[in-house]
């Protein structure tokens, strides 16, 4: 549907005793990629929240292939895979500086009303931005 790339550098504090990037960091890396992907569409998480929409994660999956190491620059390719009435799915691929695939994963987030905490329909502004992108291609 829509794809955006985000570059991150592995910080020393994010490595474990083996010198690998600690596996739990990838949930945060994916969050950065997701937020920046929406921002690249001209829509911020803050704007959604200010309009009463929250996006809790309902599913998170990852498959590790190779480790990342301290000070490596990572490229995370984030793709909005699908969007339906109540949820949005993002796919991720993480590459190192040598363009080796380190891992791939996905998250599914649900559109929720900030006050009632009940699922709501996908905001029209997000649908419109994705529709406009697909028509430009």
Protein backbone atom coordinates (compact mmCIF):
# COMPACT_ATOMS: atom_id res chain seq x y z
CA UNK A 1 0.00 0.00 0.00
CA UNK A 2 2.45 2.67 1.22
CA UNK A 3 6.14 2.34 2.12
CA UNK A 4 8.61 4.56 3.99
CA UNK A 5 12.20 4.03 5.18
CA UNK A 6 13.57 5.15 8.55
CA UNK A 7 17.24 5.11 9.58
CA UNK A 8 18.24 4.46 13.21
CA UNK A 9 21.59 3.87 14.87
CA UNK A 10 22.06 1.20 17.54
CA UNK A 11 23.16 2.93 20.76
CA UNK A 12 25.55 1.32 23.23
CA UNK A 13 22.84 1.11 25.94
CA UNK A 14 20.71 -0.93 23.50
CA UNK A 15 23.20 -3.81 23.33
CA UNK A 16 23.31 -6.90 25.53
CA UNK A 17 26.21 -8.80 27.07
CA UNK A 18 26.94 -10.49 23.72
CA UNK A 19 27.26 -7.10 21.99
CA UNK A 20 24.04 -7.68 20.04
CA UNK A 21 21.25 -5.17 19.85
CA UNK A 22 18.87 -6.44 22.55
CA UNK A 23 15.88 -8.14 20.91
CA UNK A 24 13.32 -6.13 22.88
CA UNK A 25 14.47 -2.88 21.27
CA UNK A 26 12.88 -3.77 17.97
CA UNK A 27 9.37 -3.05 19.28
CA UNK A 28 10.56 0.53 19.91
CA UNK A 29 12.34 0.69 16.56
CA UNK A 30 9.16 -0.43 14.82
CA UNK A 31 7.22 2.22 16.72
CA UNK A 32 9.60 4.92 15.48
CA UNK A 33 9.21 3.60 11.92
CA UNK A 34 5.41 3.52 12.25
CA UNK A 35 5.21 7.07 13.64
CA UNK A 36 7.54 8.43 10.96
CA UNK A 37 5.65 6.59 8.22
CA UNK A 38 2.42 8.29 9.27
CA UNK A 39 4.27 11.61 9.56
CA UNK A 40 5.54 11.17 5.98
CA UNK A 41 1.88 11.08 4.94
CA UNK A 42 1.34 14.40 6.70
CA UNK A 43 -0.40 12.89 9.73
CA UNK A 44 1.06 12.65 13.23
CA UNK A 45 0.11 10.39 16.13
CA UNK A 46 -0.35 13.58 18.16
CA UNK A 47 -2.85 14.89 15.63
CA UNK A 48 -4.80 11.63 15.80
CA UNK A 49 -4.76 11.70 19.61
CA UNK A 50 -5.81 15.39 19.63
CA UNK A 51 -8.77 14.30 17.51
CA UNK A 52 -9.75 11.61 20.01
CA UNK A 53 -8.22 8.56 18.28
CA UNK A 54 -5.78 6.17 20.01
CA UNK A 55 -3.89 3.35 18.31
CA UNK A 56 -3.09 0.53 20.72
CA UNK A 57 -1.12 -2.43 19.38
CA UNK A 58 -3.26 -5.58 19.26
CA UNK A 59 -0.66 -7.83 17.64
CA UNK A 60 3.14 -7.84 17.34
CA UNK A 61 5.22 -10.41 15.44
CA UNK A 62 8.90 -10.59 14.60
CA UNK A 63 11.29 -13.11 13.04
CA UNK A 64 14.98 -12.62 13.85
CA UNK A 65 17.56 -13.61 11.24
CA UNK A 66 20.81 -11.79 12.08
CA UNK A 67 21.86 -9.54 14.98
CA UNK A 68 22.53 -5.83 14.83
CA UNK A 69 25.54 -4.42 16.68
CA UNK A 70 26.48 -1.24 18.49
CA UNK A 71 26.80 1.83 16.25
CA UNK A 72 25.36 0.11 13.17
CA UNK A 73 22.99 2.23 11.16
CA UNK A 74 19.77 0.34 10.56
CA UNK A 75 17.29 0.95 7.79
CA UNK A 76 13.75 -0.02 8.70
CA UNK A 77 11.39 -0.35 5.77
CA UNK A 78 7.85 0.20 7.05
CA UNK A 79 4.89 -0.67 4.86
CA UNK A 80 1.25 0.05 5.57
CA UNK A 81 0.12 -3.40 4.52
CA UNK A 82 -3.62 -3.10 5.01
CA UNK A 83 -6.21 -0.84 6.49
CA UNK A 84 -9.75 -1.81 7.36
CA UNK A 85 -12.63 -0.19 9.19
CA UNK A 86 -11.18 -0.74 12.66
CA UNK A 87 -7.48 -1.56 12.28
CA UNK A 88 -4.27 -0.87 10.43
CA UNK A 89 -1.43 -3.33 9.78
CA UNK A 90 2.21 -2.37 9.34
CA UNK A 91 4.96 -4.66 8.02
CA UNK A 92 8.64 -4.04 8.78
CA UNK A 93 11.98 -5.17 7.42
CA UNK A 94 15.20 -4.20 9.20
CA UNK A 95 18.44 -4.02 7.20
CA UNK A 96 21.99 -3.27 8.35
CA UNK A 97 24.54 -1.03 6.61
CA UNK A 98 25.51 -3.88 4.30
CA UNK A 99 21.85 -4.24 3.27
CA UNK A 100 21.54 -7.63 5.01
CA UNK A 101 18.04 -8.46 6.24
CA UNK A 102 18.22 -8.67 10.05
CA UNK A 103 14.57 -9.29 10.84
CA UNK A 104 11.03 -8.79 9.64
CA UNK A 105 7.80 -8.33 11.50
CA UNK A 106 4.39 -6.78 11.71
CA UNK A 107 2.11 -4.92 14.04
CA UNK A 108 -1.65 -4.53 13.98
CA UNK A 109 -3.16 -1.50 15.67
CA UNK A 110 -6.80 -0.82 16.43
CA UNK A 111 -8.50 2.58 16.11
CA UNK A 112 -9.97 3.37 19.55
CA UNK A 113 -12.00 6.30 20.87
CA UNK A 114 -9.86 8.15 23.43
CA UNK A 115 -12.75 8.65 25.87
CA UNK A 116 -14.76 5.44 25.57
CA UNK A 117 -11.81 3.12 24.77
CA UNK A 118 -14.10 1.40 22.25
CA UNK A 119 -13.09 0.59 18.65
CA UNK A 120 -14.02 3.21 16.05
CA UNK A 121 -13.77 3.47 12.29
CA UNK A 122 -10.53 4.46 10.63
CA UNK A 123 -10.31 8.27 10.52
CA UNK A 124 -11.31 9.69 7.14
CA UNK A 125 -8.17 11.84 7.03
CA UNK A 126 -5.98 8.72 7.03
CA UNK A 127 -8.08 7.01 4.36
CA UNK A 128 -7.93 10.17 2.23
CA UNK A 129 -4.15 10.48 2.50
CA UNK A 130 -3.63 6.83 1.52
CA UNK A 131 -6.13 7.16 -1.33
CA UNK A 132 -4.35 10.27 -2.62
CA UNK A 133 -0.98 8.45 -2.52
CA UNK A 134 -2.33 5.46 -4.45
CA UNK A 135 -3.81 7.77 -7.11
CA UNK A 136 -0.47 9.57 -7.53
CA UNK A 137 1.30 6.32 -8.46
